Amino acid sequence: MNPPLIFTHPRLRREAQTIQAMTALYCREQHSPPAGSLCADCQELQEYALQRLHRCPFQEDKSTCAKCRVHCYQSVMRERVRVMMRYAGPRMLRSHPLLAVLHLLDGLRPAPQPAIRRAPKA
């Protein structure tokens, strides 16, 4: 097991908390794991999403990953996260309303522009 990731900025801590809450809700209602735990697939998905968040080049300036111009998720994992969030997102309003509304507001933020890489002049 990997050591826990440390998110220093409050916005990133909140986003990590949102990912964890959505994953827990999805897993609990779709896979029925033992109380307080995640199934192996959902645990893998959550760890992957948190790792991507930790390595995000935009950090606290980021919008939601769905709006980002830099797709750092592998296509298979991006689809798994999309399915999980499509299910859990609307249901977050009843279990974690503040996180749900703040996540929606984060989606209104403009996506940051990736740095332009230019070839060195010869």
PDB file of N, CA and C in Angstrom:
ATOM      1  N   MET A   1       0.847  -1.194   0.000  1.00  0.00           N
ATOM      2  CA  MET A   1       0.000   0.000   0.000  1.00  0.00           C
ATOM      3  C   MET A   1       0.884   1.247   0.000  1.00  0.00           C
ATOM      4  N   ASN A   2       0.476   2.234  -0.775  1.00  0.00           N
ATOM      5  CA  ASN A   2       1.236   3.473  -0.892  1.00  0.00           C
ATOM      6  C   ASN A   2       0.983   4.361   0.316  1.00  0.00           C
ATOM      7  N   PRO A   3       1.964   5.209   0.660  1.00  0.00           N
ATOM      8  CA  PRO A   3       1.732   6.157   1.759  1.00  0.00           C
ATOM      9  C   PRO A   3       0.639   7.140   1.355  1.00  0.00           C
ATOM     10  N   PRO A   4      -0.105   7.698   2.317  1.00  0.00           N
ATOM     11  CA  PRO A   4      -1.172   8.640   1.978  1.00  0.00           C
ATOM     12  C   PRO A   4      -0.612   9.892   1.312  1.00  0.00           C
ATOM     13  N   LEU A   5      -1.370  10.411   0.360  1.00  0.00           N
ATOM     14  CA  LEU A   5      -0.955  11.627  -0.339  1.00  0.00           C
ATOM     15  C   LEU A   5      -1.322  12.831   0.520  1.00  0.00           C
ATOM     16  N   ILE A   6      -0.447  13.837   0.491  1.00  0.00           N
ATOM     17  CA  ILE A   6      -0.668  15.070   1.252  1.00  0.00           C
ATOM     18  C   ILE A   6      -1.064  16.169   0.266  1.00  0.00           C
ATOM     19  N   PHE A   7      -2.240  16.738   0.477  1.00  0.00           N
ATOM     20  CA  PHE A   7      -2.695  17.859  -0.334  1.00  0.00           C
ATOM     21  C   PHE A   7      -2.602  19.101   0.542  1.00  0.00           C
ATOM     22  N   THR A   8      -1.738  20.036   0.153  1.00  0.00           N
ATOM     23  CA  THR A   8      -1.473  21.202   0.995  1.00  0.00           C
ATOM     24  C   THR A   8      -2.477  22.324   0.783  1.00  0.00           C
ATOM     25  N   HIS A   9      -3.050  22.456  -0.387  1.00  0.00           N
ATOM     26  CA  HIS A   9      -3.976  23.544  -0.664  1.00  0.00           C
ATOM     27  C   HIS A   9      -5.397  23.113  -0.305  1.00  0.00           C
ATOM     28  N   PRO A  10      -6.173  23.990   0.353  1.00  0.00           N
ATOM     29  CA  PRO A  10      -7.540  23.630   0.758  1.00  0.00           C
ATOM     30  C   PRO A  10      -8.421  23.172  -0.407  1.00  0.00           C
ATOM     31  N   ARG A  11      -8.269  23.782  -1.562  1.00  0.00           N
ATOM     32  CA  ARG A  11      -9.070  23.396  -2.725  1.00  0.00           C
ATOM     33  C   ARG A  11      -8.773  21.967  -3.144  1.00  0.00           C
ATOM     34  N   LEU A  12      -7.506  21.579  -3.131  1.00  0.00           N
ATOM     35  CA  LEU A  12      -7.135  20.208  -3.502  1.00  0.00           C
ATOM     36  C   LEU A  12      -7.573  19.210  -2.442  1.00  0.00           C
ATOM     37  N   ARG A  13      -7.518  19.623  -1.172  1.00  0.00           N
ATOM     38  CA  ARG A  13      -8.019  18.735  -0.106  1.00  0.00           C
ATOM     39  C   ARG A  13      -9.510  18.486  -0.283  1.00  0.00           C
ATOM     40  N   ARG A  14     -10.241  19.541  -0.626  1.00  0.00           N
ATOM     41  CA  ARG A  14     -11.679  19.398  -0.850  1.00  0.00           C
ATOM     42  C   ARG A  14     -11.960  18.520  -2.060  1.00  0.00           C
ATOM     43  N   GLU A  15     -11.196  18.687  -3.119  1.00  0.00           N
ATOM     44  CA  GLU A  15     -11.398  17.852  -4.304  1.00  0.00           C
ATOM     45  C   GLU A  15     -11.087  16.388  -4.001  1.00  0.00           C
ATOM     46  N   ALA A  16     -10.044  16.144  -3.217  1.00  0.00           N
ATOM     47  CA  ALA A  16      -9.723  14.769  -2.811  1.00  0.00           C
ATOM     48  C   ALA A  16     -10.866  14.202  -1.970  1.00  0.00           C
ATOM     49  N   GLN A  17     -11.414  15.006  -1.083  1.00  0.00           N
ATOM     50  CA  GLN A  17     -12.536  14.572  -0.250  1.00  0.00           C
ATOM     51  C   GLN A  17     -13.757  14.257  -1.118  1.00  0.00           C
ATOM     52  N   THR A  18     -13.980  15.045  -2.159  1.00  0.00           N
ATOM     53  CA  THR A  18     -15.097  14.813  -3.070  1.00  0.00           C
ATOM     54  C   THR A  18     -14.917  13.501  -3.819  1.00  0.00           C
ATOM     55  N   ILE A  19     -13.716  13.244  -4.306  1.00  0.00           N
ATOM     56  CA  ILE A  19     -13.426  11.987  -5.005  1.00  0.00           C
ATOM     57  C   ILE A  19     -13.691  10.803  -4.078  1.00  0.00           C
ATOM     58  N   GLN A  20     -13.228  10.906  -2.846  1.00  0.00           N
ATOM     59  CA  GLN A  20     -13.415   9.815  -1.895  1.00  0.00           C
ATOM     60  C   GLN A  20     -14.895   9.604  -1.578  1.00  0.00           C
ATOM     61  N   ALA A  21     -15.645  10.690  -1.405  1.00  0.00           N
ATOM     62  CA  ALA A  21     -17.069  10.575  -1.095  1.00  0.00           C
ATOM     63  C   ALA A  21     -17.839   9.974  -2.270  1.00  0.00           C
ATOM     64  N   MET A  22     -17.518  10.404  -3.485  1.00  0.00           N
ATOM     65  CA  MET A  22     -18.205   9.869  -4.664  1.00  0.00           C
ATOM     66  C   MET A  22     -17.890   8.387  -4.854  1.00  0.00           C
ATOM     67  N   THR A  23     -16.643   8.019  -4.664  1.00  0.00           N
ATOM     68  CA  THR A  23     -16.256   6.622  -4.820  1.00  0.00           C
ATOM     69  C   THR A  23     -16.953   5.759  -3.775  1.00  0.00           C
ATOM     70  N   ALA A  24     -16.997   6.226  -2.541  1.00  0.00           N
ATOM     71  CA  ALA A  24     -17.647   5.467  -1.468  1.00  0.00           C
ATOM     72  C   ALA A  24     -19.138   5.289  -1.753  1.00  0.00           C
ATOM     73  N   LEU A  25     -19.799   6.353  -2.192  1.00  0.00           N
ATOM     74  CA  LEU A  25     -21.222   6.282  -2.497  1.00  0.00           C
ATOM     75  C   LEU A  25     -21.473   5.292  -3.634  1.00  0.00           C
ATOM     76  N   TYR A  26     -20.710   5.415  -4.702  1.00  0.00           N
ATOM     77  CA  TYR A  26     -20.859   4.529  -5.864  1.00  0.00           C
ATOM     78  C   TYR A  26     -20.627   3.073  -5.472  1.00  0.00           C
ATOM     79  N   CYS A  27     -19.553   2.806  -4.763  1.00  0.00           N
ATOM     80  CA  CYS A  27     -19.211   1.437  -4.395  1.00  0.00           C
ATOM     81  C   CYS A  27     -20.274   0.846  -3.466  1.00  0.00           C
ATOM     82  N   ARG A  28     -20.690   1.622  -2.488  1.00  0.00           N
ATOM     83  CA  ARG A  28     -21.682   1.141  -1.521  1.00  0.00           C
ATOM     84  C   ARG A  28     -22.985   0.757  -2.224  1.00  0.00           C
ATOM     85  N   GLU A  29     -23.421   1.580  -3.179  1.00  0.00           N
ATOM     86  CA  GLU A  29     -24.713   1.342  -3.824  1.00  0.00           C
ATOM     87  C   GLU A  29     -24.636   0.389  -5.017  1.00  0.00           C
ATOM     88  N   GLN A  30     -23.454   0.222  -5.598  1.00  0.00           N
ATOM     89  CA  GLN A  30     -23.325  -0.657  -6.768  1.00  0.00           C
ATOM     90  C   GLN A  30     -22.717  -2.019  -6.446  1.00  0.00           C
ATOM     91  N   HIS A  31     -21.819  -2.073  -5.480  1.00  0.00           N
ATOM     92  CA  HIS A  31     -21.061  -3.303  -5.222  1.00  0.00           C
ATOM     93  C   HIS A  31     -21.291  -3.900  -3.838  1.00  0.00           C
ATOM     94  N   SER A  32     -21.925  -3.185  -2.958  1.00  0.00           N
ATOM     95  CA  SER A  32     -22.242  -3.658  -1.591  1.00  0.00           C
ATOM     96  C   SER A  32     -21.050  -4.268  -0.856  1.00  0.00           C
ATOM     97  N   PRO A  33     -19.947  -3.517  -0.689  1.00  0.00           N
ATOM     98  CA  PRO A  33     -18.808  -4.044   0.070  1.00  0.00           C
ATOM     99  C   PRO A  33     -19.131  -4.035   1.568  1.00  0.00           C
ATOM    100  N   PRO A  34     -18.277  -4.639   2.387  1.00  0.00           N
ATOM    101  CA  PRO A  34     -18.481  -4.536   3.840  1.00  0.00           C
ATOM    102  C   PRO A  34     -18.510  -3.058   4.256  1.00  0.00           C
ATOM    103  N   ALA A  35     -19.282  -2.765   5.302  1.00  0.00           N
ATOM    104  CA  ALA A  35     -19.454  -1.383   5.766  1.00  0.00           C
ATOM    105  C   ALA A  35     -18.110  -0.698   5.996  1.00  0.00           C
ATOM    106  N   GLY A  36     -18.001   0.533   5.487  1.00  0.00           N
ATOM    107  CA  GLY A  36     -16.800   1.333   5.707  1.00  0.00           C
ATOM    108  C   GLY A  36     -15.623   0.983   4.815  1.00  0.00           C
ATOM    109  N   SER A  37     -15.821   0.151   3.799  1.00  0.00           N
ATOM    110  CA  SER A  37     -14.714  -0.212   2.919  1.00  0.00           C
ATOM    111  C   SER A  37     -15.146  -0.095   1.461  1.00  0.00           C
ATOM    112  N   LEU A  38     -14.179  -0.240   0.571  1.00  0.00           N
ATOM    113  CA  LEU A  38     -14.427  -0.229  -0.867  1.00  0.00           C
ATOM    114  C   LEU A  38     -14.058  -1.592  -1.436  1.00  0.00           C
ATOM    115  N   CYS A  39     -14.711  -1.978  -2.528  1.00  0.00           N
ATOM    116  CA  CYS A  39     -14.295  -3.196  -3.224  1.00  0.00           C
ATOM    117  C   CYS A  39     -12.932  -2.919  -3.869  1.00  0.00           C
ATOM    118  N   ALA A  40     -12.259  -3.949  -4.325  1.00  0.00           N
ATOM    119  CA  ALA A  40     -10.908  -3.797  -4.885  1.00  0.00           C
ATOM    120  C   ALA A  40     -10.899  -2.881  -6.110  1.00  0.00           C
ATOM    121  N   ASP A  41     -11.908  -3.006  -6.980  1.00  0.00           N
ATOM    122  CA  ASP A  41     -11.956  -2.165  -8.181  1.00  0.00           C
ATOM    123  C   ASP A  41     -12.132  -0.688  -7.832  1.00  0.00           C
ATOM    124  N   CYS A  42     -13.024  -0.413  -6.897  1.00  0.00           N
ATOM    125  CA  CYS A  42     -13.255   0.983  -6.508  1.00  0.00           C
ATOM    126  C   CYS A  42     -12.062   1.557  -5.737  1.00  0.00           C
ATOM    127  N   GLN A  43     -11.414   0.736  -4.946  1.00  0.00           N
ATOM    128  CA  GLN A  43     -10.207   1.171  -4.233  1.00  0.00           C
ATOM    129  C   GLN A  43      -9.121   1.553  -5.240  1.00  0.00           C
ATOM    130  N   GLU A  44      -8.952   0.722  -6.271  1.00  0.00           N
ATOM    131  CA  GLU A  44      -7.968   1.010  -7.322  1.00  0.00           C
ATOM    132  C   GLU A  44      -8.313   2.311  -8.043  1.00  0.00           C
ATOM    133  N   LEU A  45      -9.587   2.489  -8.364  1.00  0.00           N
ATOM    134  CA  LEU A  45     -10.033   3.696  -9.059  1.00  0.00           C
ATOM    135  C   LEU A  45      -9.798   4.939  -8.209  1.00  0.00           C
ATOM    136  N   GLN A  46     -10.136   4.856  -6.931  1.00  0.00           N
ATOM    137  CA  GLN A  46      -9.937   5.996  -6.032  1.00  0.00           C
ATOM    138  C   GLN A  46      -8.461   6.347  -5.898  1.00  0.00           C
ATOM    139  N   GLU A  47      -7.608   5.357  -5.703  1.00  0.00           N
ATOM    140  CA  GLU A  47      -6.167   5.622  -5.585  1.00  0.00           C
ATOM    141  C   GLU A  47      -5.620   6.246  -6.856  1.00  0.00           C
ATOM    142  N   TYR A  48      -6.077   5.769  -8.014  1.00  0.00           N
ATOM    143  CA  TYR A  48      -5.627   6.316  -9.291  1.00  0.00           C
ATOM    144  C   TYR A  48      -6.057   7.778  -9.419  1.00  0.00           C
ATOM    145  N   ALA A  49      -7.329   8.072  -9.109  1.00  0.00           N
ATOM    146  CA  ALA A  49      -7.834   9.447  -9.223  1.00  0.00           C
ATOM    147  C   ALA A  49      -7.090  10.383  -8.283  1.00  0.00           C
ATOM    148  N   LEU A  50      -6.826   9.935  -7.064  1.00  0.00           N
ATOM    149  CA  LEU A  50      -6.095  10.773  -6.107  1.00  0.00           C
ATOM    150  C   LEU A  50      -4.653  11.001  -6.560  1.00  0.00           C
ATOM    151  N   GLN A  51      -4.050   9.986  -7.146  1.00  0.00           N
ATOM    152  CA  GLN A  51      -2.678  10.120  -7.657  1.00  0.00           C
ATOM    153  C   GLN A  51      -2.640  11.140  -8.805  1.00  0.00           C
ATOM    154  N   ARG A  52      -3.629  11.083  -9.684  1.00  0.00           N
ATOM    155  CA  ARG A  52      -3.710  12.049 -10.798  1.00  0.00           C
ATOM    156  C   ARG A  52      -3.900  13.462 -10.242  1.00  0.00           C
ATOM    157  N   LEU A  53      -4.753  13.606  -9.240  1.00  0.00           N
ATOM    158  CA  LEU A  53      -4.966  14.918  -8.626  1.00  0.00           C
ATOM    159  C   LEU A  53      -3.673  15.429  -8.004  1.00  0.00           C
ATOM    160  N   HIS A  54      -2.965  14.561  -7.332  1.00  0.00           N
ATOM    161  CA  HIS A  54      -1.712  14.945  -6.681  1.00  0.00           C
ATOM    162  C   HIS A  54      -0.676  15.415  -7.697  1.00  0.00           C
ATOM    163  N   ARG A  55      -0.686  14.820  -8.880  1.00  0.00           N
ATOM    164  CA  ARG A  55       0.299  15.158  -9.927  1.00  0.00           C
ATOM    165  C   ARG A  55      -0.196  16.194 -10.930  1.00  0.00           C
ATOM    166  N   CYS A  56      -1.373  16.731 -10.714  1.00  0.00           N
ATOM    167  CA  CYS A  56      -1.948  17.686 -11.663  1.00  0.00           C
ATOM    168  C   CYS A  56      -1.007  18.888 -11.841  1.00  0.00           C
ATOM    169  N   PRO A  57      -0.700  19.246 -13.083  1.00  0.00           N
ATOM    170  CA  PRO A  57       0.206  20.381 -13.303  1.00  0.00           C
ATOM    171  C   PRO A  57      -0.419  21.723 -12.936  1.00  0.00           C
ATOM    172  N   PHE A  58      -1.743  21.789 -12.815  1.00  0.00           N
ATOM    173  CA  PHE A  58      -2.410  23.058 -12.541  1.00  0.00           C
ATOM    174  C   PHE A  58      -2.707  23.268 -11.064  1.00  0.00           C
ATOM    175  N   GLN A  59      -2.713  22.208 -10.284  1.00  0.00           N
ATOM    176  CA  GLN A  59      -2.942  22.239  -8.841  1.00  0.00           C
ATOM    177  C   GLN A  59      -4.160  23.087  -8.474  1.00  0.00           C
ATOM    178  N   GLU A  60      -4.011  24.073  -7.594  1.00  0.00           N
ATOM    179  CA  GLU A  60      -5.177  24.797  -7.104  1.00  0.00           C
ATOM    180  C   GLU A  60      -5.846  25.671  -8.159  1.00  0.00           C
ATOM    181  N   ASP A  61      -5.200  25.892  -9.292  1.00  0.00           N
ATOM    182  CA  ASP A  61      -5.791  26.693 -10.364  1.00  0.00           C
ATOM    183  C   ASP A  61      -6.674  25.873 -11.289  1.00  0.00           C
ATOM    184  N   LYS A  62      -6.750  24.567 -11.059  1.00  0.00           N
ATOM    185  CA  LYS A  62      -7.462  23.695 -11.978  1.00  0.00           C
ATOM    186  C   LYS A  62      -8.973  23.863 -11.897  1.00  0.00           C
ATOM    187  N   SER A  63      -9.615  23.512 -12.979  1.00  0.00           N
ATOM    188  CA  SER A  63     -11.056  23.376 -13.008  1.00  0.00           C
ATOM    189  C   SER A  63     -11.346  21.912 -12.680  1.00  0.00           C
ATOM    190  N   THR A  64     -12.476  21.391 -13.084  1.00  0.00           N
ATOM    191  CA  THR A  64     -12.710  19.961 -12.905  1.00  0.00           C
ATOM    192  C   THR A  64     -11.964  19.213 -14.010  1.00  0.00           C
ATOM    193  N   CYS A  65     -11.639  17.983 -13.751  1.00  0.00           N
ATOM    194  CA  CYS A  65     -10.872  17.189 -14.721  1.00  0.00           C
ATOM    195  C   CYS A  65     -11.628  17.039 -16.043  1.00  0.00           C
ATOM    196  N   ALA A  66     -12.943  16.993 -15.994  1.00  0.00           N
ATOM    197  CA  ALA A  66     -13.740  16.832 -17.211  1.00  0.00           C
ATOM    198  C   ALA A  66     -13.543  18.003 -18.174  1.00  0.00           C
ATOM    199  N   LYS A  67     -13.257  19.193 -17.658  1.00  0.00           N
ATOM    200  CA  LYS A  67     -13.073  20.376 -18.502  1.00  0.00           C
ATOM    201  C   LYS A  67     -11.621  20.611 -18.906  1.00  0.00           C
ATOM    202  N   CYS A  68     -10.708  19.867 -18.311  1.00  0.00           N
ATOM    203  CA  CYS A  68      -9.290  20.130 -18.521  1.00  0.00           C
ATOM    204  C   CYS A  68      -8.862  19.806 -19.953  1.00  0.00           C
ATOM    205  N   ARG A  69      -7.951  20.580 -20.470  1.00  0.00           N
ATOM    206  CA  ARG A  69      -7.415  20.349 -21.813  1.00  0.00           C
ATOM    207  C   ARG A  69      -6.286  19.323 -21.817  1.00  0.00           C
ATOM    208  N   VAL A  70      -5.731  19.056 -20.649  1.00  0.00           N
ATOM    209  CA  VAL A  70      -4.667  18.063 -20.513  1.00  0.00           C
ATOM    210  C   VAL A  70      -5.281  16.820 -19.890  1.00  0.00           C
ATOM    211  N   HIS A  71      -5.386  15.753 -20.651  1.00  0.00           N
ATOM    212  CA  HIS A  71      -5.995  14.533 -20.123  1.00  0.00           C
ATOM    213  C   HIS A  71      -4.898  13.614 -19.618  1.00  0.00           C
ATOM    214  N   CYS A  72      -4.729  13.599 -18.310  1.00  0.00           N
ATOM    215  CA  CYS A  72      -3.668  12.797 -17.707  1.00  0.00           C
ATOM    216  C   CYS A  72      -4.165  11.419 -17.284  1.00  0.00           C
ATOM    217  N   TYR A  73      -5.469  11.163 -17.422  1.00  0.00           N
ATOM    218  CA  TYR A  73      -6.011   9.845 -17.116  1.00  0.00           C
ATOM    219  C   TYR A  73      -5.833   8.932 -18.326  1.00  0.00           C
ATOM    220  N   GLN A  74      -5.530   7.668 -18.086  1.00  0.00           N
ATOM    221  CA  GLN A  74      -5.554   6.682 -19.163  1.00  0.00           C
ATOM    222  C   GLN A  74      -7.001   6.578 -19.626  1.00  0.00           C
ATOM    223  N   SER A  75      -7.226   6.273 -20.885  1.00  0.00           N
ATOM    224  CA  SER A  75      -8.588   6.284 -21.427  1.00  0.00           C
ATOM    225  C   SER A  75      -9.518   5.314 -20.696  1.00  0.00           C
ATOM    226  N   VAL A  76      -9.030   4.152 -20.321  1.00  0.00           N
ATOM    227  CA  VAL A  76      -9.867   3.180 -19.601  1.00  0.00           C
ATOM    228  C   VAL A  76     -10.247   3.735 -18.231  1.00  0.00           C
ATOM    229  N   MET A  77      -9.295   4.321 -17.527  1.00  0.00           N
ATOM    230  CA  MET A  77      -9.578   4.877 -16.200  1.00  0.00           C
ATOM    231  C   MET A  77     -10.467   6.113 -16.301  1.00  0.00           C
ATOM    232  N   ARG A  78     -10.291   6.906 -17.332  1.00  0.00           N
ATOM    233  CA  ARG A  78     -11.142   8.087 -17.523  1.00  0.00           C
ATOM    234  C   ARG A  78     -12.596   7.645 -17.695  1.00  0.00           C
ATOM    235  N   GLU A  79     -12.815   6.571 -18.443  1.00  0.00           N
ATOM    236  CA  GLU A  79     -14.171   6.064 -18.632  1.00  0.00           C
ATOM    237  C   GLU A  79     -14.743   5.517 -17.323  1.00  0.00           C
ATOM    238  N   ARG A  80     -13.945   4.815 -16.551  1.00  0.00           N
ATOM    239  CA  ARG A  80     -14.410   4.291 -15.258  1.00  0.00           C
ATOM    240  C   ARG A  80     -14.798   5.430 -14.307  1.00  0.00           C
ATOM    241  N   VAL A  81     -13.978   6.485 -14.279  1.00  0.00           N
ATOM    242  CA  VAL A  81     -14.282   7.639 -13.423  1.00  0.00           C
ATOM    243  C   VAL A  81     -15.535   8.343 -13.927  1.00  0.00           C
ATOM    244  N   ARG A  82     -15.678   8.450 -15.229  1.00  0.00           N
ATOM    245  CA  ARG A  82     -16.859   9.104 -15.800  1.00  0.00           C
ATOM    246  C   ARG A  82     -18.130   8.352 -15.384  1.00  0.00           C
ATOM    247  N   VAL A  83     -18.114   7.022 -15.483  1.00  0.00           N
ATOM    248  CA  VAL A  83     -19.273   6.211 -15.089  1.00  0.00           C
ATOM    249  C   VAL A  83     -19.575   6.397 -13.605  1.00  0.00           C
ATOM    250  N   MET A  84     -18.536   6.344 -12.786  1.00  0.00           N
ATOM    251  CA  MET A  84     -18.715   6.499 -11.338  1.00  0.00           C
ATOM    252  C   MET A  84     -19.292   7.876 -11.008  1.00  0.00           C
ATOM    253  N   MET A  85     -18.750   8.928 -11.611  1.00  0.00           N
ATOM    254  CA  MET A  85     -19.216  10.282 -11.304  1.00  0.00           C
ATOM    255  C   MET A  85     -20.607  10.541 -11.865  1.00  0.00           C
ATOM    256  N   ARG A  86     -20.923   9.947 -12.995  1.00  0.00           N
ATOM    257  CA  ARG A  86     -22.268  10.128 -13.554  1.00  0.00           C
ATOM    258  C   ARG A  86     -23.313   9.525 -12.617  1.00  0.00           C
ATOM    259  N   TYR A  87     -22.971   8.424 -11.981  1.00  0.00           N
ATOM    260  CA  TYR A  87     -23.884   7.808 -11.029  1.00  0.00           C
ATOM    261  C   TYR A  87     -23.891   8.587  -9.708  1.00  0.00           C
ATOM    262  N   ALA A  88     -22.710   8.826  -9.150  1.00  0.00           N
ATOM    263  CA  ALA A  88     -22.605   9.388  -7.801  1.00  0.00           C
ATOM    264  C   ALA A  88     -22.904  10.882  -7.749  1.00  0.00           C
ATOM    265  N   GLY A  89     -22.605  11.615  -8.799  1.00  0.00           N
ATOM    266  CA  GLY A  89     -22.762  13.068  -8.784  1.00  0.00           C
ATOM    267  C   GLY A  89     -24.127  13.551  -8.318  1.00  0.00           C
ATOM    268  N   PRO A  90     -25.212  13.140  -8.991  1.00  0.00           N
ATOM    269  CA  PRO A  90     -26.533  13.602  -8.566  1.00  0.00           C
ATOM    270  C   PRO A  90     -26.908  13.132  -7.159  1.00  0.00           C
ATOM    271  N   ARG A  91     -26.435  11.972  -6.762  1.00  0.00           N
ATOM    272  CA  ARG A  91     -26.764  11.414  -5.451  1.00  0.00           C
ATOM    273  C   ARG A  91     -25.963  12.071  -4.322  1.00  0.00           C
ATOM    274  N   MET A  92     -24.905  12.780  -4.680  1.00  0.00           N
ATOM    275  CA  MET A  92     -24.098  13.489  -3.684  1.00  0.00           C
ATOM    276  C   MET A  92     -24.908  14.604  -3.025  1.00  0.00           C
ATOM    277  N   LEU A  93     -25.906  15.130  -3.715  1.00  0.00           N
ATOM    278  CA  LEU A  93     -26.714  16.211  -3.149  1.00  0.00           C
ATOM    279  C   LEU A  93     -27.419  15.790  -1.865  1.00  0.00           C
ATOM    280  N   ARG A  94     -27.775  14.524  -1.741  1.00  0.00           N
ATOM    281  CA  ARG A  94     -28.476  14.101  -0.521  1.00  0.00           C
ATOM    282  C   ARG A  94     -27.510  13.712   0.598  1.00  0.00           C
ATOM    283  N   SER A  95     -26.319  13.197   0.258  1.00  0.00           N
ATOM    284  CA  SER A  95     -25.401  12.743   1.308  1.00  0.00           C
ATOM    285  C   SER A  95     -24.291  13.750   1.620  1.00  0.00           C
ATOM    286  N   HIS A  96     -23.858  14.507   0.632  1.00  0.00           N
ATOM    287  CA  HIS A  96     -22.790  15.502   0.815  1.00  0.00           C
ATOM    288  C   HIS A  96     -23.143  16.755   0.004  1.00  0.00           C
ATOM    289  N   PRO A  97     -24.204  17.474   0.399  1.00  0.00           N
ATOM    290  CA  PRO A  97     -24.666  18.591  -0.431  1.00  0.00           C
ATOM    291  C   PRO A  97     -23.635  19.696  -0.626  1.00  0.00           C
ATOM    292  N   LEU A  98     -22.869  20.019   0.401  1.00  0.00           N
ATOM    293  CA  LEU A  98     -21.883  21.099   0.264  1.00  0.00           C
ATOM    294  C   LEU A  98     -20.795  20.707  -0.732  1.00  0.00           C
ATOM    295  N   LEU A  99     -20.268  19.491  -0.615  1.00  0.00           N
ATOM    296  CA  LEU A  99     -19.249  19.038  -1.567  1.00  0.00           C
ATOM    297  C   LEU A  99     -19.805  19.022  -2.990  1.00  0.00           C
ATOM    298  N   ALA A 100     -21.055  18.592  -3.140  1.00  0.00           N
ATOM    299  CA  ALA A 100     -21.667  18.521  -4.468  1.00  0.00           C
ATOM    300  C   ALA A 100     -21.781  19.912  -5.095  1.00  0.00           C
ATOM    301  N   VAL A 101     -22.267  20.874  -4.330  1.00  0.00           N
ATOM    302  CA  VAL A 101     -22.435  22.233  -4.863  1.00  0.00           C
ATOM    303  C   VAL A 101     -21.077  22.860  -5.164  1.00  0.00           C
ATOM    304  N   LEU A 102     -20.116  22.682  -4.278  1.00  0.00           N
ATOM    305  CA  LEU A 102     -18.779  23.246  -4.527  1.00  0.00           C
ATOM    306  C   LEU A 102     -18.130  22.611  -5.751  1.00  0.00           C
ATOM    307  N   HIS A 103     -18.372  21.313  -5.966  1.00  0.00           N
ATOM    308  CA  HIS A 103     -17.836  20.648  -7.161  1.00  0.00           C
ATOM    309  C   HIS A 103     -18.489  21.230  -8.420  1.00  0.00           C
ATOM    310  N   LEU A 104     -19.784  21.488  -8.362  1.00  0.00           N
ATOM    311  CA  LEU A 104     -20.458  22.113  -9.499  1.00  0.00           C
ATOM    312  C   LEU A 104     -19.888  23.505  -9.771  1.00  0.00           C
ATOM    313  N   LEU A 105     -19.643  24.261  -8.710  1.00  0.00           N
ATOM    314  CA  LEU A 105     -19.047  25.596  -8.875  1.00  0.00           C
ATOM    315  C   LEU A 105     -17.629  25.506  -9.442  1.00  0.00           C
ATOM    316  N   ASP A 106     -16.868  24.503  -9.005  1.00  0.00           N
ATOM    317  CA  ASP A 106     -15.526  24.311  -9.561  1.00  0.00           C
ATOM    318  C   ASP A 106     -15.594  24.077 -11.066  1.00  0.00           C
ATOM    319  N   GLY A 107     -16.663  23.413 -11.509  1.00  0.00           N
ATOM    320  CA  GLY A 107     -16.837  23.159 -12.935  1.00  0.00           C
ATOM    321  C   GLY A 107     -17.083  24.421 -13.742  1.00  0.00           C
ATOM    322  N   LEU A 108     -17.465  25.497 -13.080  1.00  0.00           N
ATOM    323  CA  LEU A 108     -17.671  26.771 -13.769  1.00  0.00           C
ATOM    324  C   LEU A 108     -16.368  27.541 -13.959  1.00  0.00           C
ATOM    325  N   ARG A 109     -15.341  27.120 -13.234  1.00  0.00           N
ATOM    326  CA  ARG A 109     -14.037  27.791 -13.383  1.00  0.00           C
ATOM    327  C   ARG A 109     -13.501  27.547 -14.789  1.00  0.00           C
ATOM    328  N   PRO A 110     -12.823  28.520 -15.375  1.00  0.00           N
ATOM    329  CA  PRO A 110     -12.242  28.286 -16.702  1.00  0.00           C
ATOM    330  C   PRO A 110     -11.095  27.276 -16.598  1.00  0.00           C
ATOM    331  N   ALA A 111     -10.994  26.437 -17.600  1.00  0.00           N
ATOM    332  CA  ALA A 111      -9.904  25.465 -17.634  1.00  0.00           C
ATOM    333  C   ALA A 111      -8.593  26.209 -17.897  1.00  0.00           C
ATOM    334  N   PRO A 112      -7.562  25.955 -17.111  1.00  0.00           N
ATOM    335  CA  PRO A 112      -6.289  26.645 -17.335  1.00  0.00           C
ATOM    336  C   PRO A 112      -5.660  26.198 -18.649  1.00  0.00           C
ATOM    337  N   GLN A 113      -4.902  27.088 -19.220  1.00  0.00           N
ATOM    338  CA  GLN A 113      -4.212  26.790 -20.474  1.00  0.00           C
ATOM    339  C   GLN A 113      -2.922  26.036 -20.184  1.00  0.00           C
ATOM    340  N   PRO A 114      -2.674  24.932 -20.905  1.00  0.00           N
ATOM    341  CA  PRO A 114      -1.387  24.251 -20.718  1.00  0.00           C
ATOM    342  C   PRO A 114      -0.257  25.120 -21.257  1.00  0.00           C
ATOM    343  N   ALA A 115       0.905  24.940 -20.689  1.00  0.00           N
ATOM    344  CA  ALA A 115       2.075  25.682 -21.165  1.00  0.00           C
ATOM    345  C   ALA A 115       2.377  25.262 -22.594  1.00  0.00           C
ATOM    346  N   ILE A 116       2.733  26.242 -23.404  1.00  0.00           N
ATOM    347  CA  ILE A 116       3.058  25.955 -24.801  1.00  0.00           C
ATOM    348  C   ILE A 116       4.511  25.512 -24.878  1.00  0.00           C
ATOM    349  N   ARG A 117       4.695  24.346 -25.455  1.00  0.00           N
ATOM    350  CA  ARG A 117       6.055  23.824 -25.622  1.00  0.00           C
ATOM    351  C   ARG A 117       6.532  24.162 -27.024  1.00  0.00           C
ATOM    352  N   ARG A 118       7.643  24.842 -27.078  1.00  0.00           N
ATOM    353  CA  ARG A 118       8.190  25.221 -28.377  1.00  0.00           C
ATOM    354  C   ARG A 118       9.524  24.562 -28.574  1.00  0.00           C
ATOM    355  N   ALA A 119       9.760  24.164 -29.786  1.00  0.00           N
ATOM    356  CA  ALA A 119      11.024  23.530 -30.115  1.00  0.00           C
ATOM    357  C   ALA A 119      12.123  24.592 -30.044  1.00  0.00           C
ATOM    358  N   PRO A 120      13.304  24.217 -29.537  1.00  0.00           N
ATOM    359  CA  PRO A 120      14.388  25.197 -29.479  1.00  0.00           C
ATOM    360  C   PRO A 120      14.814  25.617 -30.884  1.00  0.00           C
ATOM    361  N   LYS A 121      15.170  26.901 -31.009  1.00  0.00           N
ATOM    362  CA  LYS A 121      15.595  27.417 -32.313  1.00  0.00           C
ATOM    363  C   LYS A 121      17.002  26.930 -32.611  1.00  0.00           C
ATOM    364  N   ALA A 122      17.168  26.578 -33.840  1.00  0.00           N
ATOM    365  CA  ALA A 122      18.484  26.060 -34.245  1.00  0.00           C
ATOM    366  C   ALA A 122      19.385  27.145 -34.730  1.00  0.00           C
TER     367      ALA A 122
END
